[in-house]
């Protein structure tokens, strides 16, 4: 099994082999180029995203600034939107569905480091001749029609079910079932979202 295969399989791997450092450097450069564009430079932004984030649907809008480690390990469905400072450590796979709203300062973190410093600290790998550290990953899935509010962190291994809303400032460490309103640190389900939450049920708002 290659180091890259280990990365996607959730096994301990060396992130400084098999061209991965170069891929991260390329992604960071493309993020910088994107972040230096204006909102009106739509053609330039599309050209950058075609290289950085090829697996995306139509009408995906990333406000920027954006920060991805690879970009190519992310899929985003059509009509999804991410606001300012969208950060994704996509060492593991990240799957974002259709019509997902992502607020400012949201972070999706698939990389996981060992708890014990003896395993976590940088060491010299005699096999590769490089200094390295070891990590593993767990994927993140955000299903269709979710709203991830501002300053949310989603940890590796989490699936957020379709139609759910994650309240501002939450840290999501466990799966959230569909159509749930959840918030807190750690994030917990408060209740199900129902027809009583439809705007049509609240004419006083109009």
C-alpha atoms as a PDB file:
ATOM      1  CA  UNK A   1       0.000   0.000   0.000  1.00  0.00           C
ATOM      2  CA  UNK A   2       1.398   3.400  -0.962  1.00  0.00           C
ATOM      3  CA  UNK A   3       1.531   6.320   1.468  1.00  0.00           C
ATOM      4  CA  UNK A   4      -1.233   8.035  -0.512  1.00  0.00           C
ATOM      5  CA  UNK A   5      -3.416   4.940  -0.320  1.00  0.00           C
ATOM      6  CA  UNK A   6      -2.785   4.820   3.426  1.00  0.00           C
ATOM      7  CA  UNK A   7      -3.821   8.485   3.655  1.00  0.00           C
ATOM      8  CA  UNK A   8      -7.227   7.795   2.136  1.00  0.00           C
ATOM      9  CA  UNK A   9      -7.638   4.514   4.049  1.00  0.00           C
ATOM     10  CA  UNK A  10      -7.300   6.189   7.448  1.00  0.00           C
ATOM     11  CA  UNK A  11      -3.975   4.495   8.225  1.00  0.00           C
ATOM     12  CA  UNK A  12      -0.807   6.072   9.603  1.00  0.00           C
ATOM     13  CA  UNK A  13       1.130   7.595   6.684  1.00  0.00           C
ATOM     14  CA  UNK A  14       4.078   9.854   5.947  1.00  0.00           C
ATOM     15  CA  UNK A  15       2.769  13.171   4.499  1.00  0.00           C
ATOM     16  CA  UNK A  16       6.192  14.167   3.171  1.00  0.00           C
ATOM     17  CA  UNK A  17       6.518  11.516   0.458  1.00  0.00           C
ATOM     18  CA  UNK A  18       5.200  10.657  -3.015  1.00  0.00           C
ATOM     19  CA  UNK A  19       4.953  14.258  -4.201  1.00  0.00           C
ATOM     20  CA  UNK A  20       2.496  15.303  -1.498  1.00  0.00           C
ATOM     21  CA  UNK A  21       4.582  18.294  -0.287  1.00  0.00           C
ATOM     22  CA  UNK A  22       4.728  19.575  -3.857  1.00  0.00           C
ATOM     23  CA  UNK A  23       0.969  19.138  -4.277  1.00  0.00           C
ATOM     24  CA  UNK A  24       0.317  21.112  -1.099  1.00  0.00           C
ATOM     25  CA  UNK A  25       2.682  23.858  -2.241  1.00  0.00           C
ATOM     26  CA  UNK A  26       0.838  24.050  -5.567  1.00  0.00           C
ATOM     27  CA  UNK A  27      -2.545  24.236  -3.828  1.00  0.00           C
ATOM     28  CA  UNK A  28      -1.316  26.958  -1.465  1.00  0.00           C
ATOM     29  CA  UNK A  29      -0.049  28.957  -4.446  1.00  0.00           C
ATOM     30  CA  UNK A  30      -3.395  28.630  -6.244  1.00  0.00           C
ATOM     31  CA  UNK A  31      -5.240  29.683  -3.078  1.00  0.00           C
ATOM     32  CA  UNK A  32      -3.037  32.779  -2.874  1.00  0.00           C
ATOM     33  CA  UNK A  33      -3.748  33.622  -6.511  1.00  0.00           C
ATOM     34  CA  UNK A  34      -7.485  33.208  -5.919  1.00  0.00           C
ATOM     35  CA  UNK A  35      -7.375  35.315  -2.772  1.00  0.00           C
ATOM     36  CA  UNK A  36      -5.670  38.114  -4.689  1.00  0.00           C
ATOM     37  CA  UNK A  37      -8.521  38.375  -7.210  1.00  0.00           C
ATOM     38  CA  UNK A  38     -11.512  40.689  -7.059  1.00  0.00           C
ATOM     39  CA  UNK A  39     -15.090  39.380  -6.946  1.00  0.00           C
ATOM     40  CA  UNK A  40     -15.640  40.724 -10.446  1.00  0.00           C
ATOM     41  CA  UNK A  41     -12.773  38.726 -11.981  1.00  0.00           C
ATOM     42  CA  UNK A  42     -15.034  35.764 -12.632  1.00  0.00           C
ATOM     43  CA  UNK A  43     -13.083  34.303 -15.560  1.00  0.00           C
ATOM     44  CA  UNK A  44      -9.793  34.436 -13.654  1.00  0.00           C
ATOM     45  CA  UNK A  45     -11.384  32.875 -10.581  1.00  0.00           C
ATOM     46  CA  UNK A  46     -12.907  30.072 -12.642  1.00  0.00           C
ATOM     47  CA  UNK A  47      -9.559  29.348 -14.295  1.00  0.00           C
ATOM     48  CA  UNK A  48      -7.880  29.024 -10.886  1.00  0.00           C
ATOM     49  CA  UNK A  49     -10.646  26.837  -9.453  1.00  0.00           C
ATOM     50  CA  UNK A  50     -10.584  24.567 -12.501  1.00  0.00           C
ATOM     51  CA  UNK A  51      -7.048  23.650 -11.477  1.00  0.00           C
ATOM     52  CA  UNK A  52      -7.411  23.836  -7.704  1.00  0.00           C
ATOM     53  CA  UNK A  53     -10.892  22.372  -7.243  1.00  0.00           C
ATOM     54  CA  UNK A  54     -11.794  20.396 -10.377  1.00  0.00           C
ATOM     55  CA  UNK A  55     -14.508  18.272  -8.721  1.00  0.00           C
ATOM     56  CA  UNK A  56     -17.193  20.909  -8.257  1.00  0.00           C
ATOM     57  CA  UNK A  57     -20.660  21.415  -9.651  1.00  0.00           C
ATOM     58  CA  UNK A  58     -22.179  24.394 -11.406  1.00  0.00           C
ATOM     59  CA  UNK A  59     -22.661  27.714  -9.635  1.00  0.00           C
ATOM     60  CA  UNK A  60     -20.302  26.960  -6.759  1.00  0.00           C
ATOM     61  CA  UNK A  61     -19.217  30.284  -5.246  1.00  0.00           C
ATOM     62  CA  UNK A  62     -16.280  30.736  -2.894  1.00  0.00           C
ATOM     63  CA  UNK A  63     -16.122  34.260  -1.543  1.00  0.00           C
ATOM     64  CA  UNK A  64     -12.479  33.972  -0.490  1.00  0.00           C
ATOM     65  CA  UNK A  65     -10.063  34.018   1.056  1.00  0.00           C
ATOM     66  CA  UNK A  66      -9.804  30.233   0.819  1.00  0.00           C
ATOM     67  CA  UNK A  67      -7.194  27.875   2.268  1.00  0.00           C
ATOM     68  CA  UNK A  68      -6.906  24.279   1.028  1.00  0.00           C
ATOM     69  CA  UNK A  69      -4.079  21.776   1.474  1.00  0.00           C
ATOM     70  CA  UNK A  70      -4.795  19.861  -1.738  1.00  0.00           C
ATOM     71  CA  UNK A  71      -8.101  20.984  -3.256  1.00  0.00           C
ATOM     72  CA  UNK A  72      -8.174  17.890  -5.442  1.00  0.00           C
ATOM     73  CA  UNK A  73      -9.411  15.811  -2.487  1.00  0.00           C
ATOM     74  CA  UNK A  74     -12.600  17.897  -2.204  1.00  0.00           C
ATOM     75  CA  UNK A  75     -15.901  17.553  -4.058  1.00  0.00           C
ATOM     76  CA  UNK A  76     -18.543  20.304  -3.894  1.00  0.00           C
ATOM     77  CA  UNK A  77     -22.040  19.970  -5.317  1.00  0.00           C
ATOM     78  CA  UNK A  78     -23.808  22.542  -7.462  1.00  0.00           C
ATOM     79  CA  UNK A  79     -25.162  25.721  -5.918  1.00  0.00           C
ATOM     80  CA  UNK A  80     -22.992  25.559  -2.810  1.00  0.00           C
ATOM     81  CA  UNK A  81     -21.471  28.671  -1.250  1.00  0.00           C
ATOM     82  CA  UNK A  82     -18.642  29.385   1.183  1.00  0.00           C
ATOM     83  CA  UNK A  83     -18.098  32.770   2.824  1.00  0.00           C
ATOM     84  CA  UNK A  84     -14.858  34.407   4.035  1.00  0.00           C
ATOM     85  CA  UNK A  85     -11.901  32.344   5.344  1.00  0.00           C
ATOM     86  CA  UNK A  86     -12.999  28.875   4.285  1.00  0.00           C
ATOM     87  CA  UNK A  87     -10.250  26.479   5.472  1.00  0.00           C
ATOM     88  CA  UNK A  88     -10.054  22.807   4.509  1.00  0.00           C
ATOM     89  CA  UNK A  89      -7.303  20.382   5.495  1.00  0.00           C
ATOM     90  CA  UNK A  90      -8.255  17.848   2.858  1.00  0.00           C
ATOM     91  CA  UNK A  91      -5.673  15.158   3.501  1.00  0.00           C
ATOM     92  CA  UNK A  92      -8.715  12.913   3.797  1.00  0.00           C
ATOM     93  CA  UNK A  93     -11.642  13.098   1.404  1.00  0.00           C
ATOM     94  CA  UNK A  94     -14.118  15.962   1.863  1.00  0.00           C
ATOM     95  CA  UNK A  95     -17.535  15.630   0.215  1.00  0.00           C
ATOM     96  CA  UNK A  96     -19.837  18.661   0.250  1.00  0.00           C
ATOM     97  CA  UNK A  97     -23.286  18.220  -1.238  1.00  0.00           C
ATOM     98  CA  UNK A  98     -25.527  20.505  -3.276  1.00  0.00           C
ATOM     99  CA  UNK A  99     -26.895  23.834  -2.026  1.00  0.00           C
ATOM    100  CA  UNK A 100     -24.737  23.858   1.099  1.00  0.00           C
ATOM    101  CA  UNK A 101     -24.276  27.258   2.784  1.00  0.00           C
ATOM    102  CA  UNK A 102     -20.994  27.724   4.646  1.00  0.00           C
ATOM    103  CA  UNK A 103     -20.521  30.800   6.832  1.00  0.00           C
ATOM    104  CA  UNK A 104     -17.366  32.823   7.551  1.00  0.00           C
ATOM    105  CA  UNK A 105     -14.367  31.229   9.283  1.00  0.00           C
ATOM    106  CA  UNK A 106     -15.503  27.625   8.855  1.00  0.00           C
ATOM    107  CA  UNK A 107     -12.803  24.933   9.089  1.00  0.00           C
ATOM    108  CA  UNK A 108     -13.041  21.324   7.900  1.00  0.00           C
ATOM    109  CA  UNK A 109     -10.200  19.261   9.388  1.00  0.00           C
ATOM    110  CA  UNK A 110      -9.591  15.703   8.166  1.00  0.00           C
ATOM    111  CA  UNK A 111      -5.990  15.417   9.412  1.00  0.00           C
ATOM    112  CA  UNK A 112      -5.475  13.732  12.797  1.00  0.00           C
ATOM    113  CA  UNK A 113      -2.221  13.730  14.774  1.00  0.00           C
ATOM    114  CA  UNK A 114      -1.241  11.186  17.462  1.00  0.00           C
ATOM    115  CA  UNK A 115      -2.060  12.151  21.041  1.00  0.00           C
ATOM    116  CA  UNK A 116       1.341  11.157  22.447  1.00  0.00           C
ATOM    117  CA  UNK A 117       4.138  13.564  21.646  1.00  0.00           C
ATOM    118  CA  UNK A 118       6.564  10.663  21.217  1.00  0.00           C
ATOM    119  CA  UNK A 119       4.536   9.656  18.141  1.00  0.00           C
ATOM    120  CA  UNK A 120       3.679  13.177  17.048  1.00  0.00           C
ATOM    121  CA  UNK A 121       7.038  14.967  16.994  1.00  0.00           C
ATOM    122  CA  UNK A 122       9.129  15.297  13.850  1.00  0.00           C
ATOM    123  CA  UNK A 123      11.754  12.592  13.366  1.00  0.00           C
ATOM    124  CA  UNK A 124      14.288  11.501  10.769  1.00  0.00           C
ATOM    125  CA  UNK A 125      12.949   8.756   8.520  1.00  0.00           C
ATOM    126  CA  UNK A 126      15.938   6.596   7.552  1.00  0.00           C
ATOM    127  CA  UNK A 127      13.886   4.860   4.855  1.00  0.00           C
ATOM    128  CA  UNK A 128      13.175   8.058   2.931  1.00  0.00           C
ATOM    129  CA  UNK A 129      16.071  10.189   4.157  1.00  0.00           C
ATOM    130  CA  UNK A 130      13.661  12.984   5.115  1.00  0.00           C
ATOM    131  CA  UNK A 131      12.502  14.588   8.315  1.00  0.00           C
ATOM    132  CA  UNK A 132       8.828  13.831   8.758  1.00  0.00           C
ATOM    133  CA  UNK A 133       5.963  13.282  11.180  1.00  0.00           C
ATOM    134  CA  UNK A 134       3.163  10.765  11.128  1.00  0.00           C
ATOM    135  CA  UNK A 135      -0.558  11.383  10.888  1.00  0.00           C
ATOM    136  CA  UNK A 136      -3.763   9.756   9.759  1.00  0.00           C
ATOM    137  CA  UNK A 137      -7.054  11.045   8.391  1.00  0.00           C
ATOM    138  CA  UNK A 138     -10.802  10.573   8.523  1.00  0.00           C
ATOM    139  CA  UNK A 139     -13.195  11.854   5.828  1.00  0.00           C
ATOM    140  CA  UNK A 140     -15.818  14.578   6.216  1.00  0.00           C
ATOM    141  CA  UNK A 141     -19.211  14.545   4.495  1.00  0.00           C
ATOM    142  CA  UNK A 142     -21.692  17.431   4.487  1.00  0.00           C
ATOM    143  CA  UNK A 143     -24.856  16.313   2.740  1.00  0.00           C
ATOM    144  CA  UNK A 144     -27.221  18.406   0.583  1.00  0.00           C
ATOM    145  CA  UNK A 145     -28.986  21.549   1.803  1.00  0.00           C
ATOM    146  CA  UNK A 146     -27.026  22.067   5.019  1.00  0.00           C
ATOM    147  CA  UNK A 147     -26.168  25.424   6.564  1.00  0.00           C
ATOM    148  CA  UNK A 148     -22.895  25.552   8.470  1.00  0.00           C
ATOM    149  CA  UNK A 149     -22.914  28.869  10.342  1.00  0.00           C
ATOM    150  CA  UNK A 150     -19.961  31.129  11.182  1.00  0.00           C
ATOM    151  CA  UNK A 151     -16.884  29.933  13.097  1.00  0.00           C
ATOM    152  CA  UNK A 152     -17.760  26.228  12.965  1.00  0.00           C
ATOM    153  CA  UNK A 153     -15.065  23.537  13.083  1.00  0.00           C
ATOM    154  CA  UNK A 154     -15.872  20.097  11.679  1.00  0.00           C
ATOM    155  CA  UNK A 155     -13.489  17.316  12.718  1.00  0.00           C
ATOM    156  CA  UNK A 156     -12.460  14.277  10.710  1.00  0.00           C
ATOM    157  CA  UNK A 157     -14.808  11.312  10.571  1.00  0.00           C
ATOM    158  CA  UNK A 158     -17.991  13.392  10.753  1.00  0.00           C
ATOM    159  CA  UNK A 159     -21.060  13.201   8.510  1.00  0.00           C
ATOM    160  CA  UNK A 160     -23.613  16.018   8.723  1.00  0.00           C
ATOM    161  CA  UNK A 161     -26.970  14.806   7.464  1.00  0.00           C
ATOM    162  CA  UNK A 162     -28.977  16.492   4.728  1.00  0.00           C
ATOM    163  CA  UNK A 163     -30.906  19.627   5.650  1.00  0.00           C
ATOM    164  CA  UNK A 164     -29.177  20.163   8.983  1.00  0.00           C
ATOM    165  CA  UNK A 165     -28.128  23.504  10.474  1.00  0.00           C
ATOM    166  CA  UNK A 166     -24.994  23.810  12.615  1.00  0.00           C
ATOM    167  CA  UNK A 167     -25.074  26.855  14.906  1.00  0.00           C
ATOM    168  CA  UNK A 168     -22.312  29.448  15.008  1.00  0.00           C
ATOM    169  CA  UNK A 169     -19.169  28.591  16.946  1.00  0.00           C
ATOM    170  CA  UNK A 170     -19.842  24.860  17.130  1.00  0.00           C
ATOM    171  CA  UNK A 171     -17.191  22.143  17.178  1.00  0.00           C
ATOM    172  CA  UNK A 172     -18.606  19.074  15.433  1.00  0.00           C
ATOM    173  CA  UNK A 173     -16.946  15.868  16.624  1.00  0.00           C
ATOM    174  CA  UNK A 174     -19.734  13.334  15.963  1.00  0.00           C
ATOM    175  CA  UNK A 175     -22.262  12.633  13.207  1.00  0.00           C
ATOM    176  CA  UNK A 176     -25.333  14.855  13.006  1.00  0.00           C
ATOM    177  CA  UNK A 177     -28.544  13.210  11.705  1.00  0.00           C
ATOM    178  CA  UNK A 178     -30.544  14.785   8.859  1.00  0.00           C
ATOM    179  CA  UNK A 179     -32.844  17.788   9.396  1.00  0.00           C
ATOM    180  CA  UNK A 180     -31.316  18.638  12.763  1.00  0.00           C
ATOM    181  CA  UNK A 181     -30.590  21.933  14.461  1.00  0.00           C
ATOM    182  CA  UNK A 182     -27.343  21.342  16.350  1.00  0.00           C
ATOM    183  CA  UNK A 183     -24.914  23.633  18.140  1.00  0.00           C
ATOM    184  CA  UNK A 184     -22.376  23.858  20.936  1.00  0.00           C
ATOM    185  CA  UNK A 185     -18.907  22.681  21.865  1.00  0.00           C
ATOM    186  CA  UNK A 186     -19.067  19.773  21.514  1.00  0.00           C
ATOM    187  CA  UNK A 187     -21.914  20.094  19.008  1.00  0.00           C
ATOM    188  CA  UNK A 188     -25.132  18.377  20.071  1.00  0.00           C
ATOM    189  CA  UNK A 189     -28.546  18.051  18.440  1.00  0.00           C
ATOM    190  CA  UNK A 190     -31.045  20.478  19.975  1.00  0.00           C
ATOM    191  CA  UNK A 191     -34.087  19.406  17.969  1.00  0.00           C
ATOM    192  CA  UNK A 192     -35.392  18.434  14.563  1.00  0.00           C
ATOM    193  CA  UNK A 193     -36.177  21.091  11.968  1.00  0.00           C
ATOM    194  CA  UNK A 194     -39.902  20.956  11.108  1.00  0.00           C
ATOM    195  CA  UNK A 195     -42.528  22.752   9.024  1.00  0.00           C
ATOM    196  CA  UNK A 196     -42.960  25.138  11.969  1.00  0.00           C
ATOM    197  CA  UNK A 197     -39.573  26.561  10.997  1.00  0.00           C
ATOM    198  CA  UNK A 198     -40.742  27.467   7.482  1.00  0.00           C
ATOM    199  CA  UNK A 199     -40.981  31.173   6.762  1.00  0.00           C
ATOM    200  CA  UNK A 200     -44.604  30.634   5.744  1.00  0.00           C
ATOM    201  CA  UNK A 201     -45.326  29.747   9.388  1.00  0.00           C
ATOM    202  CA  UNK A 202     -44.105  33.178  10.517  1.00  0.00           C
ATOM    203  CA  UNK A 203     -46.001  35.906   8.616  1.00  0.00           C
ATOM    204  CA  UNK A 204     -44.795  38.428  11.213  1.00  0.00           C
ATOM    205  CA  UNK A 205     -41.401  38.339   9.501  1.00  0.00           C
ATOM    206  CA  UNK A 206     -42.807  39.807   6.297  1.00  0.00           C
END
